[in-house]
Amino acid sequence: MFDILFRNAKVIDGTGNPWFYGDVGVEGGTVAAPADSATVPTTFTATYNNTETPQKQNDCYLCTDVLAMEKHASHLYDTCVFEFNDANARSVLNDIQKQEQHHGKVIYDYMNTNAMYA
């Protein structure tokens, strides 16, 4: 497990290859290695308990708005997947939609862990 995990960062690996988007793990203040998204689980430790505080309520409002936007974005990509004749464009849109769905799941997991999702 990394101390910090940067997801979907612009990675310049120093080999002369073009940059790419990827996950980068930092451990002990040093870049440990580019991380494979499939092998790095997203887990949360509860920040808030079951009592309501102004900070928790503000966090809940923000998370609810972001989750609604992720749902909306995923829906738009879903519609576009069916409207393109180019198979490559459909494949790219499908990958983006999967990313949006993953973002939504991460937000939901955070909210659920912090007793914000009823």
PDB file of N, CA and C in Angstrom:
ATOM      1  N   MET A   1       0.852  -1.175   0.000  1.00  0.00           N
ATOM      2  CA  MET A   1       0.000   0.000   0.000  1.00  0.00           C
ATOM      3  C   MET A   1       0.894   1.233   0.000  1.00  0.00           C
ATOM      4  N   PHE A   2       0.522   2.228  -0.797  1.00  0.00           N
ATOM      5  CA  PHE A   2       1.300   3.451  -0.923  1.00  0.00           C
ATOM      6  C   PHE A   2       0.879   4.463   0.136  1.00  0.00           C
ATOM      7  N   ASP A   3       1.810   5.386   0.483  1.00  0.00           N
ATOM      8  CA  ASP A   3       1.469   6.490   1.374  1.00  0.00           C
ATOM      9  C   ASP A   3       0.528   7.458   0.658  1.00  0.00           C
ATOM     10  N   ILE A   4       0.821   7.724  -0.599  1.00  0.00           N
ATOM     11  CA  ILE A   4       0.010   8.600  -1.445  1.00  0.00           C
ATOM     12  C   ILE A   4      -0.138   7.923  -2.795  1.00  0.00           C
ATOM     13  N   LEU A   5      -1.307   8.036  -3.373  1.00  0.00           N
ATOM     14  CA  LEU A   5      -1.538   7.494  -4.704  1.00  0.00           C
ATOM     15  C   LEU A   5      -2.141   8.589  -5.571  1.00  0.00           C
ATOM     16  N   PHE A   6      -1.430   8.983  -6.618  1.00  0.00           N
ATOM     17  CA  PHE A   6      -1.940   9.950  -7.584  1.00  0.00           C
ATOM     18  C   PHE A   6      -2.587   9.164  -8.705  1.00  0.00           C
ATOM     19  N   ARG A   7      -3.866   9.365  -8.904  1.00  0.00           N
ATOM     20  CA  ARG A   7      -4.592   8.645  -9.946  1.00  0.00           C
ATOM     21  C   ARG A   7      -4.717   9.522 -11.188  1.00  0.00           C
ATOM     22  N   ASN A   8      -4.544   8.881 -12.336  1.00  0.00           N
ATOM     23  CA  ASN A   8      -4.701   9.527 -13.629  1.00  0.00           C
ATOM     24  C   ASN A   8      -3.806  10.762 -13.765  1.00  0.00           C
ATOM     25  N   ALA A   9      -2.550  10.629 -13.280  1.00  0.00           N
ATOM     26  CA  ALA A   9      -1.575  11.719 -13.362  1.00  0.00           C
ATOM     27  C   ALA A   9      -0.871  11.692 -14.715  1.00  0.00           C
ATOM     28  N   LYS A  10      -0.358  12.822 -15.138  1.00  0.00           N
ATOM     29  CA  LYS A  10       0.455  12.866 -16.351  1.00  0.00           C
ATOM     30  C   LYS A  10       1.836  12.329 -15.972  1.00  0.00           C
ATOM     31  N   VAL A  11       2.227  11.200 -16.547  1.00  0.00           N
ATOM     32  CA  VAL A  11       3.471  10.524 -16.181  1.00  0.00           C
ATOM     33  C   VAL A  11       4.512  10.756 -17.272  1.00  0.00           C
ATOM     34  N   ILE A  12       5.667  11.267 -16.857  1.00  0.00           N
ATOM     35  CA  ILE A  12       6.829  11.403 -17.737  1.00  0.00           C
ATOM     36  C   ILE A  12       7.891  10.511 -17.114  1.00  0.00           C
ATOM     37  N   ASP A  13       8.174   9.384 -17.756  1.00  0.00           N
ATOM     38  CA  ASP A  13       9.001   8.369 -17.111  1.00  0.00           C
ATOM     39  C   ASP A  13      10.501   8.533 -17.318  1.00  0.00           C
ATOM     40  N   GLY A  14      10.933   9.536 -18.097  1.00  0.00           N
ATOM     41  CA  GLY A  14      12.358   9.790 -18.266  1.00  0.00           C
ATOM     42  C   GLY A  14      13.047   8.911 -19.292  1.00  0.00           C
ATOM     43  N   THR A  15      12.311   8.068 -19.987  1.00  0.00           N
ATOM     44  CA  THR A  15      12.917   7.174 -20.977  1.00  0.00           C
ATOM     45  C   THR A  15      12.944   7.789 -22.369  1.00  0.00           C
ATOM     46  N   GLY A  16      12.314   8.950 -22.526  1.00  0.00           N
ATOM     47  CA  GLY A  16      12.205   9.552 -23.846  1.00  0.00           C
ATOM     48  C   GLY A  16      10.897   9.202 -24.533  1.00  0.00           C
ATOM     49  N   ASN A  17      10.161   8.280 -23.959  1.00  0.00           N
ATOM     50  CA  ASN A  17       8.844   7.937 -24.507  1.00  0.00           C
ATOM     51  C   ASN A  17       7.880   9.083 -24.230  1.00  0.00           C
ATOM     52  N   PRO A  18       6.802   9.194 -25.016  1.00  0.00           N
ATOM     53  CA  PRO A  18       5.817  10.244 -24.750  1.00  0.00           C
ATOM     54  C   PRO A  18       5.178  10.064 -23.371  1.00  0.00           C
ATOM     55  N   TRP A  19       4.723  11.170 -22.810  1.00  0.00           N
ATOM     56  CA  TRP A  19       4.027  11.094 -21.522  1.00  0.00           C
ATOM     57  C   TRP A  19       2.726  10.326 -21.702  1.00  0.00           C
ATOM     58  N   PHE A  20       2.188   9.864 -20.577  1.00  0.00           N
ATOM     59  CA  PHE A  20       0.919   9.141 -20.594  1.00  0.00           C
ATOM     60  C   PHE A  20       0.222   9.385 -19.269  1.00  0.00           C
ATOM     61  N   TYR A  21      -1.066   9.113 -19.247  1.00  0.00           N
ATOM     62  CA  TYR A  21      -1.811   9.202 -17.996  1.00  0.00           C
ATOM     63  C   TYR A  21      -1.732   7.860 -17.292  1.00  0.00           C
ATOM     64  N   GLY A  22      -1.471   7.897 -15.997  1.00  0.00           N
ATOM     65  CA  GLY A  22      -1.392   6.667 -15.223  1.00  0.00           C
ATOM     66  C   GLY A  22      -1.426   6.969 -13.741  1.00  0.00           C
ATOM     67  N   ASP A  23      -1.411   5.938 -12.947  1.00  0.00           N
ATOM     68  CA  ASP A  23      -1.403   6.060 -11.491  1.00  0.00           C
ATOM     69  C   ASP A  23       0.032   5.960 -10.997  1.00  0.00           C
ATOM     70  N   VAL A  24       0.392   6.823 -10.029  1.00  0.00           N
ATOM     71  CA  VAL A  24       1.743   6.838  -9.495  1.00  0.00           C
ATOM     72  C   VAL A  24       1.662   6.726  -7.981  1.00  0.00           C
ATOM     73  N   GLY A  25       2.374   5.743  -7.429  1.00  0.00           N
ATOM     74  CA  GLY A  25       2.402   5.533  -5.983  1.00  0.00           C
ATOM     75  C   GLY A  25       3.635   6.158  -5.364  1.00  0.00           C
ATOM     76  N   VAL A  26       3.461   6.807  -4.205  1.00  0.00           N
ATOM     77  CA  VAL A  26       4.570   7.401  -3.458  1.00  0.00           C
ATOM     78  C   VAL A  26       4.644   6.695  -2.111  1.00  0.00           C
ATOM     79  N   GLU A  27       5.860   6.269  -1.770  1.00  0.00           N
ATOM     80  CA  GLU A  27       6.072   5.571  -0.513  1.00  0.00           C
ATOM     81  C   GLU A  27       7.323   6.128   0.146  1.00  0.00           C
ATOM     82  N   GLY A  28       7.208   6.578   1.386  1.00  0.00           N
ATOM     83  CA  GLY A  28       8.354   7.125   2.096  1.00  0.00           C
ATOM     84  C   GLY A  28       8.944   8.355   1.429  1.00  0.00           C
ATOM     85  N   GLY A  29       8.108   9.153   0.771  1.00  0.00           N
ATOM     86  CA  GLY A  29       8.570  10.372   0.133  1.00  0.00           C
ATOM     87  C   GLY A  29       9.206  10.167  -1.229  1.00  0.00           C
ATOM     88  N   THR A  30       9.203   8.946  -1.737  1.00  0.00           N
ATOM     89  CA  THR A  30       9.818   8.630  -3.024  1.00  0.00           C
ATOM     90  C   THR A  30       8.800   7.946  -3.920  1.00  0.00           C
ATOM     91  N   VAL A  31       8.860   8.251  -5.215  1.00  0.00           N
ATOM     92  CA  VAL A  31       7.990   7.553  -6.157  1.00  0.00           C
ATOM     93  C   VAL A  31       8.397   6.090  -6.138  1.00  0.00           C
ATOM     94  N   ALA A  32       7.480   5.252  -5.684  1.00  0.00           N
ATOM     95  CA  ALA A  32       7.783   3.824  -5.569  1.00  0.00           C
ATOM     96  C   ALA A  32       7.769   3.170  -6.942  1.00  0.00           C
ATOM     97  N   ALA A  33       6.751   3.452  -7.718  1.00  0.00           N
ATOM     98  CA  ALA A  33       6.615   2.870  -9.050  1.00  0.00           C
ATOM     99  C   ALA A  33       5.306   3.352  -9.638  1.00  0.00           C
ATOM    100  N   PRO A  34       5.228   3.371 -10.960  1.00  0.00           N
ATOM    101  CA  PRO A  34       3.895   3.579 -11.527  1.00  0.00           C
ATOM    102  C   PRO A  34       2.986   2.466 -11.036  1.00  0.00           C
ATOM    103  N   ALA A  35       1.823   2.822 -10.616  1.00  0.00           N
ATOM    104  CA  ALA A  35       0.909   1.835 -10.043  1.00  0.00           C
ATOM    105  C   ALA A  35      -0.037   1.314 -11.105  1.00  0.00           C
ATOM    106  N   ASP A  36      -0.377   0.066 -11.007  1.00  0.00           N
ATOM    107  CA  ASP A  36      -1.371  -0.530 -11.884  1.00  0.00           C
ATOM    108  C   ASP A  36      -2.724  -0.346 -11.215  1.00  0.00           C
ATOM    109  N   SER A  37      -3.608   0.406 -11.855  1.00  0.00           N
ATOM    110  CA  SER A  37      -4.915   0.713 -11.263  1.00  0.00           C
ATOM    111  C   SER A  37      -5.672  -0.535 -10.847  1.00  0.00           C
ATOM    112  N   ALA A  38      -5.517  -1.599 -11.602  1.00  0.00           N
ATOM    113  CA  ALA A  38      -6.268  -2.818 -11.327  1.00  0.00           C
ATOM    114  C   ALA A  38      -5.812  -3.477 -10.032  1.00  0.00           C
ATOM    115  N   THR A  39      -4.565  -3.201  -9.598  1.00  0.00           N
ATOM    116  CA  THR A  39      -4.049  -3.887  -8.418  1.00  0.00           C
ATOM    117  C   THR A  39      -4.061  -3.024  -7.170  1.00  0.00           C
ATOM    118  N   VAL A  40      -4.398  -1.745  -7.293  1.00  0.00           N
ATOM    119  CA  VAL A  40      -4.411  -0.848  -6.141  1.00  0.00           C
ATOM    120  C   VAL A  40      -5.849  -0.629  -5.708  1.00  0.00           C
ATOM    121  N   PRO A  41      -6.248  -1.231  -4.593  1.00  0.00           N
ATOM    122  CA  PRO A  41      -7.634  -1.058  -4.157  1.00  0.00           C
ATOM    123  C   PRO A  41      -7.857   0.342  -3.587  1.00  0.00           C
ATOM    124  N   THR A  42      -9.047   0.855  -3.789  1.00  0.00           N
ATOM    125  CA  THR A  42      -9.423   2.128  -3.203  1.00  0.00           C
ATOM    126  C   THR A  42     -10.182   1.820  -1.921  1.00  0.00           C
ATOM    127  N   THR A  43      -9.572   2.172  -0.800  1.00  0.00           N
ATOM    128  CA  THR A  43     -10.216   1.932   0.486  1.00  0.00           C
ATOM    129  C   THR A  43     -10.234   3.241   1.266  1.00  0.00           C
ATOM    130  N   PHE A  44     -11.191   3.363   2.141  1.00  0.00           N
ATOM    131  CA  PHE A  44     -11.320   4.568   2.936  1.00  0.00           C
ATOM    132  C   PHE A  44     -11.423   4.206   4.405  1.00  0.00           C
ATOM    133  N   THR A  45     -10.830   5.039   5.236  1.00  0.00           N
ATOM    134  CA  THR A  45     -11.021   4.973   6.667  1.00  0.00           C
ATOM    135  C   THR A  45     -12.008   6.070   7.003  1.00  0.00           C
ATOM    136  N   ALA A  46     -12.947   5.775   7.864  1.00  0.00           N
ATOM    137  CA  ALA A  46     -13.985   6.750   8.194  1.00  0.00           C
ATOM    138  C   ALA A  46     -13.355   8.014   8.768  1.00  0.00           C
ATOM    139  N   THR A  47     -13.720   9.136   8.188  1.00  0.00           N
ATOM    140  CA  THR A  47     -13.270  10.440   8.658  1.00  0.00           C
ATOM    141  C   THR A  47     -14.242  10.981   9.698  1.00  0.00           C
ATOM    142  N   TYR A  48     -15.510  10.658   9.506  1.00  0.00           N
ATOM    143  CA  TYR A  48     -16.567  11.159  10.375  1.00  0.00           C
ATOM    144  C   TYR A  48     -17.237   9.986  11.071  1.00  0.00           C
ATOM    145  N   ASN A  49     -17.762  10.250  12.272  1.00  0.00           N
ATOM    146  CA  ASN A  49     -18.566   9.222  12.936  1.00  0.00           C
ATOM    147  C   ASN A  49     -20.031   9.444  12.576  1.00  0.00           C
ATOM    148  N   ASN A  50     -20.927   8.811  13.291  1.00  0.00           N
ATOM    149  CA  ASN A  50     -22.352   8.897  12.956  1.00  0.00           C
ATOM    150  C   ASN A  50     -23.006  10.215  13.351  1.00  0.00           C
ATOM    151  N   THR A  51     -22.328  11.033  14.148  1.00  0.00           N
ATOM    152  CA  THR A  51     -22.911  12.323  14.529  1.00  0.00           C
ATOM    153  C   THR A  51     -22.770  13.318  13.384  1.00  0.00           C
ATOM    154  N   GLU A  52     -23.748  14.198  13.297  1.00  0.00           N
ATOM    155  CA  GLU A  52     -23.739  15.210  12.242  1.00  0.00           C
ATOM    156  C   GLU A  52     -22.948  16.432  12.716  1.00  0.00           C
ATOM    157  N   THR A  53     -22.032  16.880  11.896  1.00  0.00           N
ATOM    158  CA  THR A  53     -21.273  18.102  12.163  1.00  0.00           C
ATOM    159  C   THR A  53     -21.382  18.987  10.925  1.00  0.00           C
ATOM    160  N   PRO A  54     -21.125  20.278  11.062  1.00  0.00           N
ATOM    161  CA  PRO A  54     -21.164  21.149   9.873  1.00  0.00           C
ATOM    162  C   PRO A  54     -20.163  20.696   8.793  1.00  0.00           C
ATOM    163  N   GLN A  55     -18.985  20.246   9.215  1.00  0.00           N
ATOM    164  CA  GLN A  55     -17.982  19.795   8.244  1.00  0.00           C
ATOM    165  C   GLN A  55     -18.475  18.559   7.497  1.00  0.00           C
ATOM    166  N   LYS A  56     -19.068  17.624   8.218  1.00  0.00           N
ATOM    167  CA  LYS A  56     -19.575  16.409   7.577  1.00  0.00           C
ATOM    168  C   LYS A  56     -20.709  16.766   6.623  1.00  0.00           C
ATOM    169  N   GLN A  57     -21.581  17.679   7.028  1.00  0.00           N
ATOM    170  CA  GLN A  57     -22.692  18.072   6.180  1.00  0.00           C
ATOM    171  C   GLN A  57     -22.188  18.745   4.898  1.00  0.00           C
ATOM    172  N   ASN A  58     -21.190  19.633   5.022  1.00  0.00           N
ATOM    173  CA  ASN A  58     -20.607  20.280   3.842  1.00  0.00           C
ATOM    174  C   ASN A  58     -19.964  19.246   2.921  1.00  0.00           C
ATOM    175  N   ASP A  59     -19.224  18.302   3.507  1.00  0.00           N
ATOM    176  CA  ASP A  59     -18.588  17.241   2.730  1.00  0.00           C
ATOM    177  C   ASP A  59     -19.642  16.408   2.007  1.00  0.00           C
ATOM    178  N   CYS A  60     -20.733  16.125   2.687  1.00  0.00           N
ATOM    179  CA  CYS A  60     -21.818  15.343   2.104  1.00  0.00           C
ATOM    180  C   CYS A  60     -22.448  16.086   0.921  1.00  0.00           C
ATOM    181  N   TYR A  61     -22.672  17.401   1.081  1.00  0.00           N
ATOM    182  CA  TYR A  61     -23.223  18.189  -0.029  1.00  0.00           C
ATOM    183  C   TYR A  61     -22.308  18.134  -1.245  1.00  0.00           C
ATOM    184  N   LEU A  62     -21.014  18.331  -1.011  1.00  0.00           N
ATOM    185  CA  LEU A  62     -20.051  18.302  -2.115  1.00  0.00           C
ATOM    186  C   LEU A  62     -20.020  16.936  -2.796  1.00  0.00           C
ATOM    187  N   CYS A  63     -19.960  15.880  -1.990  1.00  0.00           N
ATOM    188  CA  CYS A  63     -19.917  14.530  -2.546  1.00  0.00           C
ATOM    189  C   CYS A  63     -21.190  14.209  -3.331  1.00  0.00           C
ATOM    190  N   THR A  64     -22.336  14.637  -2.820  1.00  0.00           N
ATOM    191  CA  THR A  64     -23.602  14.394  -3.507  1.00  0.00           C
ATOM    192  C   THR A  64     -23.619  15.092  -4.862  1.00  0.00           C
ATOM    193  N   ASP A  65     -23.124  16.337  -4.903  1.00  0.00           N
ATOM    194  CA  ASP A  65     -23.056  17.066  -6.176  1.00  0.00           C
ATOM    195  C   ASP A  65     -22.102  16.387  -7.150  1.00  0.00           C
ATOM    196  N   VAL A  66     -20.938  15.983  -6.669  1.00  0.00           N
ATOM    197  CA  VAL A  66     -19.948  15.336  -7.542  1.00  0.00           C
ATOM    198  C   VAL A  66     -20.483  13.996  -8.041  1.00  0.00           C
ATOM    199  N   LEU A  67     -21.137  13.244  -7.168  1.00  0.00           N
ATOM    200  CA  LEU A  67     -21.707  11.959  -7.574  1.00  0.00           C
ATOM    201  C   LEU A  67     -22.789  12.162  -8.645  1.00  0.00           C
ATOM    202  N   ALA A  68     -23.615  13.183  -8.488  1.00  0.00           N
ATOM    203  CA  ALA A  68     -24.643  13.466  -9.490  1.00  0.00           C
ATOM    204  C   ALA A  68     -24.004  13.819 -10.832  1.00  0.00           C
ATOM    205  N   MET A  69     -22.907  14.569 -10.807  1.00  0.00           N
ATOM    206  CA  MET A  69     -22.222  14.925 -12.044  1.00  0.00           C
ATOM    207  C   MET A  69     -21.596  13.697 -12.699  1.00  0.00           C
ATOM    208  N   GLU A  70     -21.033  12.793 -11.913  1.00  0.00           N
ATOM    209  CA  GLU A  70     -20.460  11.561 -12.470  1.00  0.00           C
ATOM    210  C   GLU A  70     -21.549  10.714 -13.130  1.00  0.00           C
ATOM    211  N   LYS A  71     -22.712  10.655 -12.501  1.00  0.00           N
ATOM    212  CA  LYS A  71     -23.826   9.913 -13.097  1.00  0.00           C
ATOM    213  C   LYS A  71     -24.236  10.543 -14.419  1.00  0.00           C
ATOM    214  N   HIS A  72     -24.305  11.869 -14.439  1.00  0.00           N
ATOM    215  CA  HIS A  72     -24.698  12.583 -15.653  1.00  0.00           C
ATOM    216  C   HIS A  72     -23.663  12.354 -16.762  1.00  0.00           C
ATOM    217  N   ALA A  73     -22.383  12.481 -16.433  1.00  0.00           N
ATOM    218  CA  ALA A  73     -21.326  12.288 -17.431  1.00  0.00           C
ATOM    219  C   ALA A  73     -21.347  10.866 -17.968  1.00  0.00           C
ATOM    220  N   SER A  74     -21.519   9.893 -17.094  1.00  0.00           N
ATOM    221  CA  SER A  74     -21.565   8.496 -17.527  1.00  0.00           C
ATOM    222  C   SER A  74     -22.731   8.276 -18.487  1.00  0.00           C
ATOM    223  N   HIS A  75     -23.869   8.884 -18.189  1.00  0.00           N
ATOM    224  CA  HIS A  75     -25.043   8.759 -19.056  1.00  0.00           C
ATOM    225  C   HIS A  75     -24.778   9.361 -20.437  1.00  0.00           C
ATOM    226  N   LEU A  76     -24.116  10.515 -20.474  1.00  0.00           N
ATOM    227  CA  LEU A  76     -23.815  11.149 -21.761  1.00  0.00           C
ATOM    228  C   LEU A  76     -22.903  10.265 -22.610  1.00  0.00           C
ATOM    229  N   TYR A  77     -21.886   9.684 -21.988  1.00  0.00           N
ATOM    230  CA  TYR A  77     -21.002   8.787 -22.737  1.00  0.00           C
ATOM    231  C   TYR A  77     -21.764   7.550 -23.196  1.00  0.00           C
ATOM    232  N   ASP A  78     -22.670   7.068 -22.362  1.00  0.00           N
ATOM    233  CA  ASP A  78     -23.472   5.900 -22.737  1.00  0.00           C
ATOM    234  C   ASP A  78     -24.269   6.194 -24.005  1.00  0.00           C
ATOM    235  N   THR A  79     -24.883   7.360 -24.062  1.00  0.00           N
ATOM    236  CA  THR A  79     -25.654   7.752 -25.245  1.00  0.00           C
ATOM    237  C   THR A  79     -24.748   7.880 -26.467  1.00  0.00           C
ATOM    238  N   CYS A  80     -23.585   8.509 -26.289  1.00  0.00           N
ATOM    239  CA  CYS A  80     -22.670   8.728 -27.412  1.00  0.00           C
ATOM    240  C   CYS A  80     -22.114   7.424 -27.972  1.00  0.00           C
ATOM    241  N   VAL A  81     -21.928   6.408 -27.125  1.00  0.00           N
ATOM    242  CA  VAL A  81     -21.401   5.131 -27.594  1.00  0.00           C
ATOM    243  C   VAL A  81     -22.276   4.581 -28.708  1.00  0.00           C
ATOM    244  N   PHE A  82     -23.581   4.778 -28.599  1.00  0.00           N
ATOM    245  CA  PHE A  82     -24.506   4.247 -29.594  1.00  0.00           C
ATOM    246  C   PHE A  82     -24.651   5.147 -30.818  1.00  0.00           C
ATOM    247  N   GLU A  83     -24.168   6.381 -30.749  1.00  0.00           N
ATOM    248  CA  GLU A  83     -24.395   7.334 -31.828  1.00  0.00           C
ATOM    249  C   GLU A  83     -23.212   7.491 -32.778  1.00  0.00           C
ATOM    250  N   PHE A  84     -22.087   6.816 -32.530  1.00  0.00           N
ATOM    251  CA  PHE A  84     -20.925   6.932 -33.397  1.00  0.00           C
ATOM    252  C   PHE A  84     -20.824   5.728 -34.315  1.00  0.00           C
ATOM    253  N   ASN A  85     -20.553   5.990 -35.596  1.00  0.00           N
ATOM    254  CA  ASN A  85     -20.349   4.905 -36.549  1.00  0.00           C
ATOM    255  C   ASN A  85     -18.951   4.307 -36.426  1.00  0.00           C
ATOM    256  N   ASP A  86     -17.978   5.108 -36.012  1.00  0.00           N
ATOM    257  CA  ASP A  86     -16.586   4.678 -35.918  1.00  0.00           C
ATOM    258  C   ASP A  86     -16.394   3.783 -34.695  1.00  0.00           C
ATOM    259  N   ALA A  87     -15.980   2.541 -34.933  1.00  0.00           N
ATOM    260  CA  ALA A  87     -15.801   1.578 -33.839  1.00  0.00           C
ATOM    261  C   ALA A  87     -14.722   2.038 -32.862  1.00  0.00           C
ATOM    262  N   ASN A  88     -13.661   2.695 -33.355  1.00  0.00           N
ATOM    263  CA  ASN A  88     -12.601   3.187 -32.466  1.00  0.00           C
ATOM    264  C   ASN A  88     -13.127   4.275 -31.539  1.00  0.00           C
ATOM    265  N   ALA A  89     -13.948   5.178 -32.076  1.00  0.00           N
ATOM    266  CA  ALA A  89     -14.540   6.232 -31.243  1.00  0.00           C
ATOM    267  C   ALA A  89     -15.459   5.621 -30.191  1.00  0.00           C
ATOM    268  N   ARG A  90     -16.248   4.629 -30.572  1.00  0.00           N
ATOM    269  CA  ARG A  90     -17.124   3.959 -29.600  1.00  0.00           C
ATOM    270  C   ARG A  90     -16.306   3.293 -28.500  1.00  0.00           C
ATOM    271  N   SER A  91     -15.181   2.692 -28.875  1.00  0.00           N
ATOM    272  CA  SER A  91     -14.330   2.030 -27.885  1.00  0.00           C
ATOM    273  C   SER A  91     -13.752   3.035 -26.895  1.00  0.00           C
ATOM    274  N   VAL A  92     -13.287   4.174 -27.396  1.00  0.00           N
ATOM    275  CA  VAL A  92     -12.740   5.212 -26.527  1.00  0.00           C
ATOM    276  C   VAL A  92     -13.823   5.739 -25.590  1.00  0.00           C
ATOM    277  N   LEU A  93     -15.001   6.021 -26.132  1.00  0.00           N
ATOM    278  CA  LEU A  93     -16.101   6.514 -25.299  1.00  0.00           C
ATOM    279  C   LEU A  93     -16.514   5.484 -24.251  1.00  0.00           C
ATOM    280  N   ASN A  94     -16.482   4.213 -24.624  1.00  0.00           N
ATOM    281  CA  ASN A  94     -16.804   3.153 -23.674  1.00  0.00           C
ATOM    282  C   ASN A  94     -15.791   3.124 -22.535  1.00  0.00           C
ATOM    283  N   ASP A  95     -14.500   3.299 -22.849  1.00  0.00           N
ATOM    284  CA  ASP A  95     -13.470   3.335 -21.808  1.00  0.00           C
ATOM    285  C   ASP A  95     -13.670   4.533 -20.881  1.00  0.00           C
ATOM    286  N   ILE A  96     -13.998   5.684 -21.460  1.00  0.00           N
ATOM    287  CA  ILE A  96     -14.238   6.875 -20.639  1.00  0.00           C
ATOM    288  C   ILE A  96     -15.445   6.649 -19.732  1.00  0.00           C
ATOM    289  N   GLN A  97     -16.496   6.030 -20.271  1.00  0.00           N
ATOM    290  CA  GLN A  97     -17.680   5.760 -19.463  1.00  0.00           C
ATOM    291  C   GLN A  97     -17.324   4.852 -18.288  1.00  0.00           C
ATOM    292  N   LYS A  98     -16.505   3.845 -18.516  1.00  0.00           N
ATOM    293  CA  LYS A  98     -16.080   2.952 -17.427  1.00  0.00           C
ATOM    294  C   LYS A  98     -15.325   3.735 -16.359  1.00  0.00           C
ATOM    295  N   GLN A  99     -14.482   4.682 -16.779  1.00  0.00           N
ATOM    296  CA  GLN A  99     -13.767   5.515 -15.815  1.00  0.00           C
ATOM    297  C   GLN A  99     -14.748   6.345 -14.997  1.00  0.00           C
ATOM    298  N   GLU A 100     -15.747   6.919 -15.651  1.00  0.00           N
ATOM    299  CA  GLU A 100     -16.748   7.718 -14.936  1.00  0.00           C
ATOM    300  C   GLU A 100     -17.500   6.858 -13.925  1.00  0.00           C
ATOM    301  N   GLN A 101     -17.835   5.634 -14.310  1.00  0.00           N
ATOM    302  CA  GLN A 101     -18.518   4.722 -13.392  1.00  0.00           C
ATOM    303  C   GLN A 101     -17.619   4.379 -12.205  1.00  0.00           C
ATOM    304  N   HIS A 102     -16.329   4.208 -12.465  1.00  0.00           N
ATOM    305  CA  HIS A 102     -15.394   3.926 -11.372  1.00  0.00           C
ATOM    306  C   HIS A 102     -15.312   5.129 -10.428  1.00  0.00           C
ATOM    307  N   HIS A 103     -15.237   6.334 -10.984  1.00  0.00           N
ATOM    308  CA  HIS A 103     -15.208   7.538 -10.142  1.00  0.00           C
ATOM    309  C   HIS A 103     -16.457   7.591  -9.261  1.00  0.00           C
ATOM    310  N   GLY A 104     -17.615   7.304  -9.849  1.00  0.00           N
ATOM    311  CA  GLY A 104     -18.858   7.302  -9.079  1.00  0.00           C
ATOM    312  C   GLY A 104     -18.825   6.291  -7.951  1.00  0.00           C
ATOM    313  N   LYS A 105     -18.267   5.105  -8.219  1.00  0.00           N
ATOM    314  CA  LYS A 105     -18.174   4.073  -7.181  1.00  0.00           C
ATOM    315  C   LYS A 105     -17.260   4.524  -6.045  1.00  0.00           C
ATOM    316  N   VAL A 106     -16.152   5.173  -6.383  1.00  0.00           N
ATOM    317  CA  VAL A 106     -15.225   5.653  -5.358  1.00  0.00           C
ATOM    318  C   VAL A 106     -15.907   6.700  -4.481  1.00  0.00           C
ATOM    319  N   ILE A 107     -16.647   7.612  -5.097  1.00  0.00           N
ATOM    320  CA  ILE A 107     -17.368   8.631  -4.326  1.00  0.00           C
ATOM    321  C   ILE A 107     -18.415   7.972  -3.430  1.00  0.00           C
ATOM    322  N   TYR A 108     -19.167   7.032  -3.990  1.00  0.00           N
ATOM    323  CA  TYR A 108     -20.162   6.312  -3.192  1.00  0.00           C
ATOM    324  C   TYR A 108     -19.494   5.594  -2.019  1.00  0.00           C
ATOM    325  N   ASP A 109     -18.387   4.907  -2.274  1.00  0.00           N
ATOM    326  CA  ASP A 109     -17.690   4.177  -1.200  1.00  0.00           C
ATOM    327  C   ASP A 109     -17.253   5.119  -0.085  1.00  0.00           C
ATOM    328  N   TYR A 110     -16.751   6.301  -0.452  1.00  0.00           N
ATOM    329  CA  TYR A 110     -16.344   7.284   0.548  1.00  0.00           C
ATOM    330  C   TYR A 110     -17.552   7.724   1.374  1.00  0.00           C
ATOM    331  N   MET A 111     -18.649   8.030   0.681  1.00  0.00           N
ATOM    332  CA  MET A 111     -19.849   8.480   1.378  1.00  0.00           C
ATOM    333  C   MET A 111     -20.402   7.374   2.272  1.00  0.00           C
ATOM    334  N   ASN A 112     -20.412   6.154   1.784  1.00  0.00           N
ATOM    335  CA  ASN A 112     -20.922   5.035   2.556  1.00  0.00           C
ATOM    336  C   ASN A 112     -20.066   4.784   3.795  1.00  0.00           C
ATOM    337  N   THR A 113     -18.739   4.846   3.636  1.00  0.00           N
ATOM    338  CA  THR A 113     -17.835   4.638   4.764  1.00  0.00           C
ATOM    339  C   THR A 113     -18.041   5.694   5.837  1.00  0.00           C
ATOM    340  N   ASN A 114     -18.394   6.898   5.434  1.00  0.00           N
ATOM    341  CA  ASN A 114     -18.572   7.995   6.377  1.00  0.00           C
ATOM    342  C   ASN A 114     -20.026   8.258   6.755  1.00  0.00           C
ATOM    343  N   ALA A 115     -20.868   7.242   6.551  1.00  0.00           N
ATOM    344  CA  ALA A 115     -22.289   7.310   6.948  1.00  0.00           C
ATOM    345  C   ALA A 115     -22.997   8.522   6.355  1.00  0.00           C
ATOM    346  N   MET A 116     -22.706   8.811   5.074  1.00  0.00           N
ATOM    347  CA  MET A 116     -23.355   9.929   4.401  1.00  0.00           C
ATOM    348  C   MET A 116     -24.406   9.465   3.413  1.00  0.00           C
ATOM    349  N   TYR A 117     -24.465   8.204   3.154  1.00  0.00           N
ATOM    350  CA  TYR A 117     -25.374   7.683   2.148  1.00  0.00           C
ATOM    351  C   TYR A 117     -26.464   6.911   2.864  1.00  0.00           C
ATOM    352  N   ALA A 118     -27.697   7.402   2.768  1.00  0.00           N
ATOM    353  CA  ALA A 118     -28.805   6.756   3.491  1.00  0.00           C
ATOM    354  C   ALA A 118     -29.428   5.662   2.653  1.00  0.00           C
TER     355      ALA A 118
END
